[in-house]
């Protein structure tokens, strides 16, 4: 057993709490966020002990979650950087609900641990990129944009930042469709590719499984 059984149980217990709480407060579309989708990939990787789902989540999350932590720390100290983590200080969300979202801080470390234990599957870059594009298109065409006035302020909008970094208002630097394209290309070139290269270096490729 390459992943300790106790860790599997602890993570599964966390998910057993988070999923119904998030569903009842945020609704099912919240699970279309990259980070929430990665929670399920991590769960799959733990119980199947296969490298691909853990590698996909690692490629997609390690750098973005680092910036989440930077933005959260800045907000905690009273500085407003991007608005990425402003929801963590929104009184519409209970402390318990916001506490669950602290997984953004520890999930990257768990993913690194899983990749070290299970190996890095090089197919992860293509697989995650395809998944991220699909999730981004769904968020752009089917979900509420930044600045939308929702009956329930806890419901997600601007999922995966496809309308800009501030949920309160959409970006105005360029047309929305062009921004979406630039955003996807930026994620691939500035986040996914560098992470892919580094993970290949620090952990030999896992056998296809």
C-alpha atoms as a PDB file:
ATOM      1  CA  UNK A   1       0.000   0.000   0.000  1.00  0.00           C
ATOM      2  CA  UNK A   2       1.780   3.119  -1.258  1.00  0.00           C
ATOM      3  CA  UNK A   3      -0.660   5.563   0.369  1.00  0.00           C
ATOM      4  CA  UNK A   4      -1.174   5.015   4.116  1.00  0.00           C
ATOM      5  CA  UNK A   5      -4.636   3.715   4.954  1.00  0.00           C
ATOM      6  CA  UNK A   6      -5.036   6.272   7.742  1.00  0.00           C
ATOM      7  CA  UNK A   7      -4.414   9.100   5.281  1.00  0.00           C
ATOM      8  CA  UNK A   8      -7.003   7.655   2.923  1.00  0.00           C
ATOM      9  CA  UNK A   9      -9.571   7.543   5.715  1.00  0.00           C
ATOM     10  CA  UNK A  10      -8.767  11.061   6.922  1.00  0.00           C
ATOM     11  CA  UNK A  11      -9.061  12.553   3.446  1.00  0.00           C
ATOM     12  CA  UNK A  12     -12.246  10.605   2.722  1.00  0.00           C
ATOM     13  CA  UNK A  13     -13.715  11.896   5.985  1.00  0.00           C
ATOM     14  CA  UNK A  14     -12.866  15.446   4.967  1.00  0.00           C
ATOM     15  CA  UNK A  15     -14.565  14.940   1.615  1.00  0.00           C
ATOM     16  CA  UNK A  16     -17.595  13.375   3.307  1.00  0.00           C
ATOM     17  CA  UNK A  17     -18.021  16.653   5.196  1.00  0.00           C
ATOM     18  CA  UNK A  18     -17.057  19.082   2.439  1.00  0.00           C
ATOM     19  CA  UNK A  19     -19.206  17.725  -0.399  1.00  0.00           C
ATOM     20  CA  UNK A  20     -22.648  17.977   1.270  1.00  0.00           C
ATOM     21  CA  UNK A  21     -21.775  21.276   2.956  1.00  0.00           C
ATOM     22  CA  UNK A  22     -20.563  22.825  -0.303  1.00  0.00           C
ATOM     23  CA  UNK A  23     -23.516  21.398  -2.220  1.00  0.00           C
ATOM     24  CA  UNK A  24     -26.083  22.841   0.195  1.00  0.00           C
ATOM     25  CA  UNK A  25     -24.376  26.245   0.427  1.00  0.00           C
ATOM     26  CA  UNK A  26     -22.882  26.820  -3.000  1.00  0.00           C
ATOM     27  CA  UNK A  27     -24.793  24.404  -5.217  1.00  0.00           C
ATOM     28  CA  UNK A  28     -23.470  21.759  -7.626  1.00  0.00           C
ATOM     29  CA  UNK A  29     -21.788  24.228 -10.009  1.00  0.00           C
ATOM     30  CA  UNK A  30     -19.207  24.966  -7.330  1.00  0.00           C
ATOM     31  CA  UNK A  31     -17.609  21.599  -8.100  1.00  0.00           C
ATOM     32  CA  UNK A  32     -16.676  22.902 -11.558  1.00  0.00           C
ATOM     33  CA  UNK A  33     -13.897  25.012 -10.041  1.00  0.00           C
ATOM     34  CA  UNK A  34     -10.461  23.624 -10.894  1.00  0.00           C
ATOM     35  CA  UNK A  35      -9.638  23.245  -7.207  1.00  0.00           C
ATOM     36  CA  UNK A  36     -12.854  21.389  -6.354  1.00  0.00           C
ATOM     37  CA  UNK A  37     -12.502  19.080  -9.338  1.00  0.00           C
ATOM     38  CA  UNK A  38      -8.981  18.329  -8.133  1.00  0.00           C
ATOM     39  CA  UNK A  39     -10.342  17.237  -4.771  1.00  0.00           C
ATOM     40  CA  UNK A  40     -12.126  14.360  -6.500  1.00  0.00           C
ATOM     41  CA  UNK A  41      -9.062  13.506  -8.583  1.00  0.00           C
ATOM     42  CA  UNK A  42      -7.063  13.341  -5.366  1.00  0.00           C
ATOM     43  CA  UNK A  43      -9.618  11.053  -3.770  1.00  0.00           C
ATOM     44  CA  UNK A  44      -9.510   8.774  -6.811  1.00  0.00           C
ATOM     45  CA  UNK A  45      -5.711   8.716  -6.771  1.00  0.00           C
ATOM     46  CA  UNK A  46      -5.620   7.787  -3.100  1.00  0.00           C
ATOM     47  CA  UNK A  47      -7.935   4.798  -3.312  1.00  0.00           C
ATOM     48  CA  UNK A  48      -6.787   3.444  -6.674  1.00  0.00           C
ATOM     49  CA  UNK A  49      -3.125   4.330  -6.039  1.00  0.00           C
ATOM     50  CA  UNK A  50      -2.760   5.302  -9.687  1.00  0.00           C
ATOM     51  CA  UNK A  51      -0.531   8.162 -10.715  1.00  0.00           C
ATOM     52  CA  UNK A  52      -2.612   9.819 -13.437  1.00  0.00           C
ATOM     53  CA  UNK A  53      -5.327  11.520 -11.329  1.00  0.00           C
ATOM     54  CA  UNK A  54      -2.791  12.747  -8.753  1.00  0.00           C
ATOM     55  CA  UNK A  55      -0.507  13.992 -11.540  1.00  0.00           C
ATOM     56  CA  UNK A  56      -3.388  15.805 -13.247  1.00  0.00           C
ATOM     57  CA  UNK A  57      -4.361  17.595 -10.053  1.00  0.00           C
ATOM     58  CA  UNK A  58      -0.735  18.494  -9.339  1.00  0.00           C
ATOM     59  CA  UNK A  59      -0.191  19.952 -12.820  1.00  0.00           C
ATOM     60  CA  UNK A  60      -3.349  22.002 -12.539  1.00  0.00           C
ATOM     61  CA  UNK A  61      -3.095  23.219  -8.970  1.00  0.00           C
ATOM     62  CA  UNK A  62       0.428  23.629  -7.643  1.00  0.00           C
ATOM     63  CA  UNK A  63       1.200  27.076  -9.070  1.00  0.00           C
ATOM     64  CA  UNK A  64      -2.353  28.522  -8.951  1.00  0.00           C
ATOM     65  CA  UNK A  65      -2.746  27.429  -5.319  1.00  0.00           C
ATOM     66  CA  UNK A  66       0.569  29.079  -4.463  1.00  0.00           C
ATOM     67  CA  UNK A  67      -0.880  32.385  -5.694  1.00  0.00           C
ATOM     68  CA  UNK A  68      -4.099  31.667  -3.794  1.00  0.00           C
ATOM     69  CA  UNK A  69      -2.030  31.431  -0.629  1.00  0.00           C
ATOM     70  CA  UNK A  70      -0.184  34.669  -1.456  1.00  0.00           C
ATOM     71  CA  UNK A  71      -3.450  36.519  -2.079  1.00  0.00           C
ATOM     72  CA  UNK A  72      -5.038  35.089   1.071  1.00  0.00           C
ATOM     73  CA  UNK A  73      -2.053  36.133   3.193  1.00  0.00           C
ATOM     74  CA  UNK A  74      -2.207  39.644   1.734  1.00  0.00           C
ATOM     75  CA  UNK A  75      -5.938  39.921   2.479  1.00  0.00           C
ATOM     76  CA  UNK A  76      -5.288  38.638   5.987  1.00  0.00           C
ATOM     77  CA  UNK A  77      -2.748  41.438   6.491  1.00  0.00           C
ATOM     78  CA  UNK A  78      -5.129  44.067   5.117  1.00  0.00           C
ATOM     79  CA  UNK A  79      -3.808  44.352   1.564  1.00  0.00           C
ATOM     80  CA  UNK A  80      -6.001  43.836  -1.508  1.00  0.00           C
ATOM     81  CA  UNK A  81      -4.127  42.245  -4.410  1.00  0.00           C
ATOM     82  CA  UNK A  82      -6.439  40.540  -6.898  1.00  0.00           C
ATOM     83  CA  UNK A  83      -9.686  39.802  -5.061  1.00  0.00           C
ATOM     84  CA  UNK A  84      -9.078  36.106  -5.652  1.00  0.00           C
ATOM     85  CA  UNK A  85      -9.624  35.223  -1.996  1.00  0.00           C
ATOM     86  CA  UNK A  86     -12.006  38.011  -0.984  1.00  0.00           C
ATOM     87  CA  UNK A  87     -14.735  35.421  -0.405  1.00  0.00           C
ATOM     88  CA  UNK A  88     -12.706  34.106   2.548  1.00  0.00           C
ATOM     89  CA  UNK A  89     -13.501  37.363   4.344  1.00  0.00           C
ATOM     90  CA  UNK A  90     -17.138  37.636   3.261  1.00  0.00           C
ATOM     91  CA  UNK A  91     -19.539  37.609   6.217  1.00  0.00           C
ATOM     92  CA  UNK A  92     -22.190  35.960   4.017  1.00  0.00           C
ATOM     93  CA  UNK A  93     -20.125  32.788   4.424  1.00  0.00           C
ATOM     94  CA  UNK A  94     -19.956  31.158   7.845  1.00  0.00           C
ATOM     95  CA  UNK A  95     -16.601  30.660   9.536  1.00  0.00           C
ATOM     96  CA  UNK A  96     -17.075  26.903   9.208  1.00  0.00           C
ATOM     97  CA  UNK A  97     -17.683  27.224   5.471  1.00  0.00           C
ATOM     98  CA  UNK A  98     -14.633  29.424   5.034  1.00  0.00           C
ATOM     99  CA  UNK A  99     -12.618  27.070   7.216  1.00  0.00           C
ATOM    100  CA  UNK A 100     -13.329  24.208   4.829  1.00  0.00           C
ATOM    101  CA  UNK A 101     -11.879  26.332   2.019  1.00  0.00           C
ATOM    102  CA  UNK A 102      -8.519  26.340   3.752  1.00  0.00           C
ATOM    103  CA  UNK A 103      -7.876  23.114   1.865  1.00  0.00           C
ATOM    104  CA  UNK A 104      -6.366  25.406  -0.774  1.00  0.00           C
ATOM    105  CA  UNK A 105      -3.419  25.807   1.570  1.00  0.00           C
ATOM    106  CA  UNK A 106      -2.692  22.142   2.296  1.00  0.00           C
ATOM    107  CA  UNK A 107      -3.885  20.339  -0.835  1.00  0.00           C
ATOM    108  CA  UNK A 108      -0.747  21.257  -2.862  1.00  0.00           C
ATOM    109  CA  UNK A 109       1.456  19.600  -0.235  1.00  0.00           C
ATOM    110  CA  UNK A 110      -0.714  16.503  -0.297  1.00  0.00           C
ATOM    111  CA  UNK A 111      -0.474  16.349  -4.082  1.00  0.00           C
ATOM    112  CA  UNK A 112       3.318  16.612  -3.999  1.00  0.00           C
ATOM    113  CA  UNK A 113       3.358  13.773  -1.477  1.00  0.00           C
ATOM    114  CA  UNK A 114       1.123  11.632  -3.700  1.00  0.00           C
ATOM    115  CA  UNK A 115       3.254  12.275  -6.774  1.00  0.00           C
ATOM    116  CA  UNK A 116       6.365  11.300  -4.828  1.00  0.00           C
ATOM    117  CA  UNK A 117       4.657   8.111  -3.681  1.00  0.00           C
ATOM    118  CA  UNK A 118       2.877   7.147  -6.896  1.00  0.00           C
ATOM    119  CA  UNK A 119       5.122   8.686  -9.536  1.00  0.00           C
ATOM    120  CA  UNK A 120       4.359  11.320 -12.139  1.00  0.00           C
ATOM    121  CA  UNK A 121       2.355  10.270 -15.187  1.00  0.00           C
ATOM    122  CA  UNK A 122       3.394  12.354 -18.197  1.00  0.00           C
ATOM    123  CA  UNK A 123      -0.070  12.057 -19.704  1.00  0.00           C
ATOM    124  CA  UNK A 124      -1.252  14.422 -16.968  1.00  0.00           C
ATOM    125  CA  UNK A 125      -0.414  17.601 -18.876  1.00  0.00           C
ATOM    126  CA  UNK A 126      -2.636  16.753 -21.851  1.00  0.00           C
ATOM    127  CA  UNK A 127      -5.372  15.245 -19.695  1.00  0.00           C
ATOM    128  CA  UNK A 128      -5.543  18.187 -17.285  1.00  0.00           C
ATOM    129  CA  UNK A 129      -5.316  20.771 -20.069  1.00  0.00           C
ATOM    130  CA  UNK A 130      -8.273  19.173 -21.866  1.00  0.00           C
ATOM    131  CA  UNK A 131     -10.269  19.065 -18.629  1.00  0.00           C
ATOM    132  CA  UNK A 132      -9.398  22.686 -17.782  1.00  0.00           C
ATOM    133  CA  UNK A 133     -10.510  23.891 -21.223  1.00  0.00           C
ATOM    134  CA  UNK A 134     -13.838  22.082 -20.900  1.00  0.00           C
ATOM    135  CA  UNK A 135     -14.424  23.485 -17.399  1.00  0.00           C
ATOM    136  CA  UNK A 136     -13.503  26.997 -18.561  1.00  0.00           C
ATOM    137  CA  UNK A 137     -15.885  26.854 -21.520  1.00  0.00           C
ATOM    138  CA  UNK A 138     -18.726  25.648 -19.304  1.00  0.00           C
ATOM    139  CA  UNK A 139     -18.048  28.457 -16.833  1.00  0.00           C
ATOM    140  CA  UNK A 140     -17.882  31.089 -19.585  1.00  0.00           C
ATOM    141  CA  UNK A 141     -20.972  30.092 -21.566  1.00  0.00           C
ATOM    142  CA  UNK A 142     -23.269  28.539 -18.967  1.00  0.00           C
ATOM    143  CA  UNK A 143     -22.500  30.026 -15.533  1.00  0.00           C
ATOM    144  CA  UNK A 144     -22.976  33.543 -14.068  1.00  0.00           C
ATOM    145  CA  UNK A 145     -20.255  36.077 -14.955  1.00  0.00           C
ATOM    146  CA  UNK A 146     -18.364  38.317 -12.582  1.00  0.00           C
ATOM    147  CA  UNK A 147     -20.596  41.052 -11.205  1.00  0.00           C
ATOM    148  CA  UNK A 148     -23.838  39.119 -11.686  1.00  0.00           C
ATOM    149  CA  UNK A 149     -26.536  39.866  -9.127  1.00  0.00           C
ATOM    150  CA  UNK A 150     -27.590  36.530  -7.676  1.00  0.00           C
ATOM    151  CA  UNK A 151     -30.504  35.828  -5.351  1.00  0.00           C
ATOM    152  CA  UNK A 152     -28.132  33.888  -3.110  1.00  0.00           C
ATOM    153  CA  UNK A 153     -24.767  35.682  -2.746  1.00  0.00           C
ATOM    154  CA  UNK A 154     -23.078  32.383  -1.831  1.00  0.00           C
ATOM    155  CA  UNK A 155     -23.736  30.828  -5.244  1.00  0.00           C
ATOM    156  CA  UNK A 156     -20.635  30.775  -7.462  1.00  0.00           C
ATOM    157  CA  UNK A 157     -20.011  33.191 -10.285  1.00  0.00           C
ATOM    158  CA  UNK A 158     -16.962  33.858 -12.431  1.00  0.00           C
ATOM    159  CA  UNK A 159     -16.000  30.210 -11.953  1.00  0.00           C
ATOM    160  CA  UNK A 160     -12.323  29.583 -12.736  1.00  0.00           C
ATOM    161  CA  UNK A 161     -11.814  33.329 -13.220  1.00  0.00           C
ATOM    162  CA  UNK A 162     -12.990  33.202 -16.826  1.00  0.00           C
ATOM    163  CA  UNK A 163     -14.233  36.800 -16.557  1.00  0.00           C
ATOM    164  CA  UNK A 164     -11.282  38.250 -14.640  1.00  0.00           C
ATOM    165  CA  UNK A 165      -9.704  38.107 -11.213  1.00  0.00           C
ATOM    166  CA  UNK A 166     -12.387  40.077  -9.392  1.00  0.00           C
ATOM    167  CA  UNK A 167     -15.759  38.396  -8.838  1.00  0.00           C
ATOM    168  CA  UNK A 168     -17.369  41.790  -8.200  1.00  0.00           C
ATOM    169  CA  UNK A 169     -16.836  43.014 -11.770  1.00  0.00           C
ATOM    170  CA  UNK A 170     -15.647  41.563 -15.091  1.00  0.00           C
ATOM    171  CA  UNK A 171     -12.313  42.648 -16.512  1.00  0.00           C
ATOM    172  CA  UNK A 172     -12.376  45.477 -19.045  1.00  0.00           C
ATOM    173  CA  UNK A 173      -8.892  45.142 -20.544  1.00  0.00           C
ATOM    174  CA  UNK A 174     -10.133  43.300 -23.649  1.00  0.00           C
ATOM    175  CA  UNK A 175     -13.247  41.661 -25.131  1.00  0.00           C
ATOM    176  CA  UNK A 176     -14.553  38.825 -22.976  1.00  0.00           C
ATOM    177  CA  UNK A 177     -13.948  36.099 -25.569  1.00  0.00           C
ATOM    178  CA  UNK A 178     -10.388  37.245 -26.184  1.00  0.00           C
ATOM    179  CA  UNK A 179      -9.743  37.349 -22.453  1.00  0.00           C
ATOM    180  CA  UNK A 180     -10.941  33.751 -22.122  1.00  0.00           C
ATOM    181  CA  UNK A 181      -8.513  32.650 -24.831  1.00  0.00           C
ATOM    182  CA  UNK A 182      -5.631  34.597 -23.281  1.00  0.00           C
ATOM    183  CA  UNK A 183      -6.491  33.187 -19.851  1.00  0.00           C
ATOM    184  CA  UNK A 184      -6.449  29.586 -21.069  1.00  0.00           C
ATOM    185  CA  UNK A 185      -3.173  30.088 -22.952  1.00  0.00           C
ATOM    186  CA  UNK A 186      -1.640  31.776 -19.891  1.00  0.00           C
ATOM    187  CA  UNK A 187      -2.646  28.884 -17.642  1.00  0.00           C
ATOM    188  CA  UNK A 188      -1.113  26.359 -20.012  1.00  0.00           C
ATOM    189  CA  UNK A 189       2.146  28.214 -20.632  1.00  0.00           C
ATOM    190  CA  UNK A 190       2.740  29.847 -17.256  1.00  0.00           C
ATOM    191  CA  UNK A 191       1.293  27.264 -14.853  1.00  0.00           C
ATOM    192  CA  UNK A 192       0.751  23.829 -16.361  1.00  0.00           C
ATOM    193  CA  UNK A 193       3.832  23.469 -18.565  1.00  0.00           C
ATOM    194  CA  UNK A 194       6.375  24.631 -15.930  1.00  0.00           C
ATOM    195  CA  UNK A 195       4.800  22.371 -13.306  1.00  0.00           C
ATOM    196  CA  UNK A 196       4.858  19.453 -15.767  1.00  0.00           C
ATOM    197  CA  UNK A 197       8.563  19.969 -16.456  1.00  0.00           C
ATOM    198  CA  UNK A 198       9.463  20.208 -12.777  1.00  0.00           C
ATOM    199  CA  UNK A 199       7.467  17.128 -11.782  1.00  0.00           C
ATOM    200  CA  UNK A 200       9.144  15.131 -14.542  1.00  0.00           C
ATOM    201  CA  UNK A 201      12.509  16.079 -13.066  1.00  0.00           C
ATOM    202  CA  UNK A 202      11.794  15.328  -9.426  1.00  0.00           C
ATOM    203  CA  UNK A 203       9.918  12.061  -9.929  1.00  0.00           C
ATOM    204  CA  UNK A 204      10.469   9.459 -12.650  1.00  0.00           C
ATOM    205  CA  UNK A 205       7.575   8.785 -14.954  1.00  0.00           C
ATOM    206  CA  UNK A 206       5.073   6.319 -13.630  1.00  0.00           C
ATOM    207  CA  UNK A 207       4.109   3.299 -15.712  1.00  0.00           C
ATOM    208  CA  UNK A 208       0.894   3.733 -17.673  1.00  0.00           C
ATOM    209  CA  UNK A 209      -2.024   2.592 -15.543  1.00  0.00           C
END
